[in-house]
C-alpha atoms as a PDB file:
ATOM      1  CA  MET A   1      15.377   0.038  10.034  1.00  0.00           C
ATOM      2  CA  THR A   2      13.480  -2.887  11.416  1.00  0.00           C
ATOM      3  CA  THR A   3      10.641  -3.985   9.240  1.00  0.00           C
ATOM      4  CA  THR A   4       7.794  -6.004  10.561  1.00  0.00           C
ATOM      5  CA  ILE A   5       5.912  -8.492   8.801  1.00  0.00           C
ATOM      6  CA  PRO A   6       2.250  -6.654   8.323  1.00  0.00           C
ATOM      7  CA  ARG A   7      -0.892  -8.706   7.562  1.00  0.00           C
ATOM      8  CA  ASP A   8      -2.528  -7.604   4.093  1.00  0.00           C
ATOM      9  CA  LEU A   9      -6.208  -6.822   3.712  1.00  0.00           C
ATOM     10  CA  THR A  10      -8.238  -4.527   1.077  1.00  0.00           C
ATOM     11  CA  LEU A  11      -9.923  -1.132   2.372  1.00  0.00           C
ATOM     12  CA  THR A  12     -13.063  -0.303   0.864  1.00  0.00           C
ATOM     13  CA  VAL A  13     -13.998   3.802   1.611  1.00  0.00           C
ATOM     14  CA  ARG A  14     -17.379   5.316   1.452  1.00  0.00           C
ATOM     15  CA  ARG A  15     -18.263   9.113   2.010  1.00  0.00           C
ATOM     16  CA  GLY A  16     -21.089   9.097   4.558  1.00  0.00           C
ATOM     17  CA  PRO A  17     -22.186   9.765   8.355  1.00  0.00           C
ATOM     18  CA  VAL A  18     -18.994   9.453  11.136  1.00  0.00           C
ATOM     19  CA  VAL A  19     -20.577   8.353  14.380  1.00  0.00           C
ATOM     20  CA  SER A  20     -18.547  10.264  16.371  1.00  0.00           C
ATOM     21  CA  PRO A  21     -19.224  14.387  14.968  1.00  0.00           C
ATOM     22  CA  SER A  22     -14.992  14.988  16.472  1.00  0.00           C
ATOM     23  CA  LYS A  23     -13.690  12.317  13.915  1.00  0.00           C
ATOM     24  CA  ALA A  24     -13.621  12.779   9.568  1.00  0.00           C
ATOM     25  CA  ALA A  25     -13.867   9.077  10.214  1.00  0.00           C
ATOM     26  CA  ASP A  26     -14.637   5.448  11.058  1.00  0.00           C
ATOM     27  CA  LEU A  27     -12.204   2.758  10.660  1.00  0.00           C
ATOM     28  CA  ARG A  28     -13.895  -0.619  10.765  1.00  0.00           C
ATOM     29  CA  VAL A  29     -11.633  -3.940  10.783  1.00  0.00           C
ATOM     30  CA  GLU A  30     -13.224  -7.446  10.032  1.00  0.00           C
ATOM     31  CA  GLY A  31     -11.191 -10.189   8.812  1.00  0.00           C
ATOM     32  CA  ASP A  32      -8.679  -9.464   5.520  1.00  0.00           C
ATOM     33  CA  ALA A  33     -10.876  -6.305   5.098  1.00  0.00           C
ATOM     34  CA  ALA A  34     -11.231  -2.852   6.870  1.00  0.00           C
ATOM     35  CA  THR A  35     -14.097  -0.244   5.821  1.00  0.00           C
ATOM     36  CA  LEU A  36     -13.622   3.489   6.538  1.00  0.00           C
ATOM     37  CA  VAL A  37     -16.718   6.264   6.364  1.00  0.00           C
ATOM     38  CA  TYR A  38     -14.799   9.199   6.246  1.00  0.00           C
ATOM     39  CA  ASP A  39     -17.219  13.443   6.251  1.00  0.00           C
ATOM     40  CA  ARG A  40     -15.957  14.344   3.057  1.00  0.00           C
ATOM     41  CA  HIS A  41     -16.612  17.628   4.360  1.00  0.00           C
ATOM     42  CA  ARG A  42     -13.985  17.084   6.691  1.00  0.00           C
ATOM     43  CA  ALA A  43     -11.843  15.216   4.809  1.00  0.00           C
ATOM     44  CA  ASN A  44     -11.054  14.574   0.746  1.00  0.00           C
ATOM     45  CA  PRO A  45     -10.578  10.536  -0.265  1.00  0.00           C
ATOM     46  CA  GLY A  46      -6.868  10.793  -0.369  1.00  0.00           C
ATOM     47  CA  THR A  47      -6.971  11.847   3.402  1.00  0.00           C
ATOM     48  CA  ALA A  48      -9.008   9.624   4.550  1.00  0.00           C
ATOM     49  CA  VAL A  49      -7.094   6.668   3.067  1.00  0.00           C
ATOM     50  CA  TRP A  50      -3.834   8.113   4.248  1.00  0.00           C
ATOM     51  CA  LEU A  51      -5.113   8.635   7.361  1.00  0.00           C
ATOM     52  CA  ALA A  52      -6.793   4.803   7.073  1.00  0.00           C
ATOM     53  CA  ARG A  53      -3.512   3.294   6.300  1.00  0.00           C
ATOM     54  CA  VAL A  54      -1.607   4.889   9.291  1.00  0.00           C
ATOM     55  CA  LEU A  55      -4.233   3.287  11.320  1.00  0.00           C
ATOM     56  CA  LEU A  56      -3.880   0.360  10.297  1.00  0.00           C
ATOM     57  CA  SER A  57      -0.024   0.184  10.319  1.00  0.00           C
ATOM     58  CA  GLN A  58      -0.167   0.965  14.030  1.00  0.00           C
ATOM     59  CA  HIS A  59      -1.996  -2.087  14.505  1.00  0.00           C
ATOM     60  CA  GLY A  60       0.037  -4.463  12.124  1.00  0.00           C
ATOM     61  CA  TYR A  61      -1.876  -4.245   8.058  1.00  0.00           C
ATOM     62  CA  ALA A  62      -1.172  -3.270   4.967  1.00  0.00           C
ATOM     63  CA  VAL A  63      -3.314  -2.066   2.864  1.00  0.00           C
ATOM     64  CA  ARG A  64      -3.684  -4.115  -0.062  1.00  0.00           C
ATOM     65  CA  GLU A  65      -6.073  -2.320  -2.498  1.00  0.00           C
ATOM     66  CA  THR A  66      -8.266   0.525  -1.843  1.00  0.00           C
ATOM     67  CA  ILE A  67     -11.861   0.285  -3.523  1.00  0.00           C
ATOM     68  CA  LEU A  68     -13.927   3.971  -3.219  1.00  0.00           C
ATOM     69  CA  ASP A  69     -17.721   2.665  -3.215  1.00  0.00           C
ATOM     70  CA  GLY A  70     -20.206   4.675  -4.598  1.00  0.00           C
ATOM     71  CA  MET A  71     -17.325   6.910  -6.583  1.00  0.00           C
ATOM     72  CA  GLY A  72     -16.608   7.922  -9.950  1.00  0.00           C
ATOM     73  CA  PRO A  73     -14.701   5.228 -11.930  1.00  0.00           C
ATOM     74  CA  ASP A  74     -12.047   7.462 -12.873  1.00  0.00           C
ATOM     75  CA  ILE A  75     -10.910   8.383  -9.052  1.00  0.00           C
ATOM     76  CA  THR A  76     -11.797   4.746  -7.965  1.00  0.00           C
ATOM     77  CA  VAL A  77      -9.840   3.168 -10.627  1.00  0.00           C
ATOM     78  CA  LEU A  78      -7.002   5.494  -9.712  1.00  0.00           C
ATOM     79  CA  PHE A  79      -7.044   4.824  -5.864  1.00  0.00           C
ATOM     80  CA  ARG A  80      -7.040   1.046  -6.389  1.00  0.00           C
ATOM     81  CA  GLU A  81      -3.755   1.076  -8.926  1.00  0.00           C
ATOM     82  CA  ALA A  82      -2.478   3.416  -7.055  1.00  0.00           C
ATOM     83  CA  SER A  83      -2.990   0.922  -3.440  1.00  0.00           C
ATOM     84  CA  ARG A  84      -1.725  -1.970  -5.249  1.00  0.00           C
ATOM     85  CA  LEU A  85       1.951  -0.363  -5.806  1.00  0.00           C
ATOM     86  CA  ARG A  86       1.136   1.232  -1.688  1.00  0.00           C
ATOM     87  CA  LEU A  87       1.220   4.236  -2.844  1.00  0.00           C
ATOM     88  CA  ASN A  88      -1.085   7.575  -1.040  1.00  0.00           C
ATOM     89  CA  VAL A  89      -2.836   9.896  -3.647  1.00  0.00           C
ATOM     90  CA  GLU A  90      -2.326  13.049  -3.139  1.00  0.00           C
ATOM     91  CA  LEU A  91      -5.036  15.449  -5.187  1.00  0.00           C
ATOM     92  CA  GLY A  92      -4.715  19.151  -6.247  1.00  0.00           C
ATOM     93  CA  SER A  93      -1.203  19.322  -5.465  1.00  0.00           C
ATOM     94  CA  ARG A  94       0.970  22.099  -6.788  1.00  0.00           C
ATOM     95  CA  ILE A  95       2.958  19.873  -9.286  1.00  0.00           C
ATOM     96  CA  ALA A  96       3.111  20.325 -13.183  1.00  0.00           C
ATOM     97  CA  VAL A  97       3.411  16.769 -14.057  1.00  0.00           C
ATOM     98  CA  PRO A  98       1.418  13.325 -11.950  1.00  0.00           C
ATOM     99  CA  THR A  99       4.608  12.844 -10.115  1.00  0.00           C
ATOM    100  CA  VAL A 100       5.105   9.801  -7.049  1.00  0.00           C
ATOM    101  CA  VAL A 101       7.074  10.925  -4.876  1.00  0.00           C
ATOM    102  CA  ALA A 102       9.437   8.003  -2.046  1.00  0.00           C
ATOM    103  CA  ARG A 103       9.366   9.785   0.723  1.00  0.00           C
ATOM    104  CA  PRO A 104      11.723   8.541   3.446  1.00  0.00           C
ATOM    105  CA  HIS A 105      10.404   6.308   6.056  1.00  0.00           C
ATOM    106  CA  SER A 106       6.577   6.402   5.198  1.00  0.00           C
ATOM    107  CA  PRO A 107       4.493   5.568   2.387  1.00  0.00           C
ATOM    108  CA  ALA A 108       5.709   7.276  -1.144  1.00  0.00           C
ATOM    109  CA  SER A 109       2.550   8.998  -2.568  1.00  0.00           C
ATOM    110  CA  TYR A 110       1.407   9.486  -6.160  1.00  0.00           C
ATOM    111  CA  LEU A 111       0.969  13.444  -6.337  1.00  0.00           C
ATOM    112  CA  ILE A 112      -1.466  14.258  -8.680  1.00  0.00           C
ATOM    113  CA  PRO A 113      -1.896  18.353  -9.811  1.00  0.00           C
ATOM    114  CA  ALA A 114      -5.426  20.114  -9.292  1.00  0.00           C
ATOM    115  CA  GLY A 115      -8.079  19.698 -12.275  1.00  0.00           C
ATOM    116  CA  TRP A 116      -5.897  16.869 -13.882  1.00  0.00           C
ATOM    117  CA  ASP A 117      -7.555  14.091 -16.162  1.00  0.00           C
ATOM    118  CA  LEU A 118      -7.750  11.329 -13.610  1.00  0.00           C
ATOM    119  CA  ALA A 119      -7.436   9.056 -16.374  1.00  0.00           C
ATOM    120  CA  ASP A 120      -4.448   9.784 -18.016  1.00  0.00           C
ATOM    121  CA  ALA A 121      -3.194   9.687 -14.267  1.00  0.00           C
ATOM    122  CA  VAL A 122      -3.465   5.984 -13.790  1.00  0.00           C
ATOM    123  CA  ASP A 123      -2.261   5.064 -17.696  1.00  0.00           C
ATOM    124  CA  ARG A 124       1.021   7.453 -16.023  1.00  0.00           C
ATOM    125  CA  LEU A 125       1.199   5.304 -12.900  1.00  0.00           C
ATOM    126  CA  PRO A 126       3.544   2.889 -13.896  1.00  0.00           C
ATOM    127  CA  ALA A 127       6.219   5.026 -15.424  1.00  0.00           C
ATOM    128  CA  ALA A 128       6.020   7.818 -12.689  1.00  0.00           C
ATOM    129  CA  HIS A 129       6.383   4.488 -10.318  1.00  0.00           C
ATOM    130  CA  ALA A 130       9.101   3.046 -12.356  1.00  0.00           C
ATOM    131  CA  ALA A 131      11.089   6.557 -12.401  1.00  0.00           C
ATOM    132  CA  ALA A 132      10.771   7.401  -8.545  1.00  0.00           C
ATOM    133  CA  ARG A 133      11.570   4.280  -6.727  1.00  0.00           C
ATOM    134  CA  PRO A 134      13.478   2.134  -9.665  1.00  0.00           C
ATOM    135  CA  GLU A 135      15.142   0.119  -6.668  1.00  0.00           C
ATOM    136  CA  VAL A 136      11.709  -1.170  -5.385  1.00  0.00           C
ATOM    137  CA  VAL A 137      10.643  -1.762  -8.989  1.00  0.00           C
ATOM    138  CA  GLY A 138      13.847  -3.957  -9.319  1.00  0.00           C
ATOM    139  CA  ALA A 139      13.365  -5.572  -6.649  1.00  0.00           C
ATOM    140  CA  LEU A 140       9.619  -6.528  -8.006  1.00  0.00           C
ATOM    141  CA  ALA A 141      11.117  -8.003 -10.867  1.00  0.00           C
ATOM    142  CA  ARG A 142      13.158 -10.088  -9.534  1.00  0.00           C
ATOM    143  CA  ILE A 143      10.508 -11.752  -7.341  1.00  0.00           C
ATOM    144  CA  ALA A 144       8.303 -12.071 -10.433  1.00  0.00           C
ATOM    145  CA  GLU A 145      11.411 -14.373 -12.021  1.00  0.00           C
ATOM    146  CA  GLU A 146      11.578 -15.951  -8.959  1.00  0.00           C
ATOM    147  CA  LYS A 147       8.127 -16.682  -8.807  1.00  0.00           C
ATOM    148  CA  ARG A 148       8.529 -17.873 -12.760  1.00  0.00           C
ATOM    149  CA  ASP A 149      11.174 -20.502 -11.989  1.00  0.00           C
ATOM    150  CA  HIS A 150       9.623 -21.750  -8.549  1.00  0.00           C
ATOM    151  CA  GLY A 151       5.982 -22.378 -10.609  1.00  0.00           C
ATOM    152  CA  GLY A 152       3.907 -21.242  -7.951  1.00  0.00           C
ATOM    153  CA  ALA A 153       5.873 -23.389  -4.819  1.00  0.00           C
ATOM    154  CA  LEU A 154       6.409 -20.242  -3.041  1.00  0.00           C
ATOM    155  CA  ASP A 155       3.502 -17.525  -4.327  1.00  0.00           C
ATOM    156  CA  ARG A 156       2.246 -16.698  -0.909  1.00  0.00           C
ATOM    157  CA  ALA A 157       6.386 -15.679   0.486  1.00  0.00           C
ATOM    158  CA  PHE A 158       6.902 -13.802  -3.102  1.00  0.00           C
ATOM    159  CA  ASP A 159       3.642 -11.965  -2.593  1.00  0.00           C
ATOM    160  CA  THR A 160       4.265 -10.686   0.898  1.00  0.00           C
ATOM    161  CA  ALA A 161       8.145  -9.549   0.018  1.00  0.00           C
ATOM    162  CA  ALA A 162       6.634  -7.869  -2.753  1.00  0.00           C
ATOM    163  CA  GLY A 163       4.029  -6.012  -1.093  1.00  0.00           C
ATOM    164  CA  MET A 164       6.412  -5.714   1.962  1.00  0.00           C
ATOM    165  CA  ILE A 165       9.028  -3.493  -0.427  1.00  0.00           C
ATOM    166  CA  LEU A 166       6.487  -1.675  -2.197  1.00  0.00           C
ATOM    167  CA  GLU A 167       4.929  -0.554   1.823  1.00  0.00           C
ATOM    168  CA  THR A 168       8.650   0.321   2.714  1.00  0.00           C
ATOM    169  CA  GLY A 169      10.225   0.900  -0.235  1.00  0.00           C
ATOM    170  CA  ASP A 170      13.447  -0.598   1.155  1.00  0.00           C
ATOM    171  CA  PRO A 171      14.213  -3.896  -0.336  1.00  0.00           C
ATOM    172  CA  ALA A 172      17.148  -4.201   1.752  1.00  0.00           C
ATOM    173  CA  ALA A 173      15.407  -3.982   5.400  1.00  0.00           C
ATOM    174  CA  VAL A 174      12.660  -6.770   3.808  1.00  0.00           C
ATOM    175  CA  TRP A 175      15.053  -9.314   2.643  1.00  0.00           C
ATOM    176  CA  ASP A 176      17.124  -8.477   6.396  1.00  0.00           C
ATOM    177  CA  THR A 177      13.443  -8.999   8.431  1.00  0.00           C
ATOM    178  CA  LEU A 178      12.419 -12.276   5.857  1.00  0.00           C
ATOM    179  CA  THR A 179      16.003 -13.762   6.739  1.00  0.00           C
ATOM    180  CA  ARG A 180      15.744 -12.778  10.274  1.00  0.00           C
ATOM    181  CA  VAL A 181      12.166 -14.801  10.914  1.00  0.00           C
ATOM    182  CA  LEU A 182      13.286 -17.978   8.397  1.00  0.00           C
ATOM    183  CA  ASP A 183      16.571 -18.220  10.846  1.00  0.00           C
ATOM    184  CA  GLN A 184      14.321 -17.953  13.725  1.00  0.00           C
ATOM    185  CA  VAL A 185      11.904 -20.470  12.705  1.00  0.00           C
ATOM    186  CA  GLU A 186      14.316 -22.969  11.455  1.00  0.00           C
ATOM    187  CA  PHE A 187      16.330 -22.508  15.044  1.00  0.00           C
ATOM    188  CA  GLU A 188      12.660 -23.521  17.128  1.00  0.00           C
ATOM    189  CA  ARG A 189      11.973 -26.548  14.599  1.00  0.00           C
ATOM    190  CA  ALA A 190      15.915 -27.841  15.582  1.00  0.00           C
ATOM    191  CA  GLY A 191      15.092 -26.534  19.030  1.00  0.00           C
ATOM    192  CA  ALA A 192      11.911 -28.721  19.312  1.00  0.00           C
ATOM    193  CA  ARG A 193      13.454 -31.648  17.301  1.00  0.00           C
ATOM    194  CA  GLY A 194      16.323 -32.270  19.772  1.00  0.00           C
END
């Protein structure tokens, strides 16, 4: 699997009227931010955010943070924390306890049972993520250690790698992509000098 380096952005989600009656949501991108307005009669926030992430990924963007505007504090915190781990949120799932499900070739999801306390789901998120994606969590721990060792000199590169690993769930493909890109940059620099 070839991974591309996405541009990170923040996604703000609001309920409201959509411009086209045939659509469930409207999405607008400006700089490093996107705004999604969805029709609550046609989609729930989890479905609306999932759709936005799919559309944005097709244009080379990755959502680093989701902000629910005008919604309750528990659901707002849940979506923000799940988005920081690049997880979709599926509310009302038919499972016993909140669970992260890793899916091949698509973003992982945090499944929340119907009627579950959302504050409790936020508390369970780190453990559920670690159980479902140990390879990802291990790669993130190594990146955090490298960031400490390098004293901030490579923070942006490390943050990009961490975001790509969370987005894809495939640390090996991310490292291969970054190595390929860095080799290409070095090759182009050598050609320009020589």
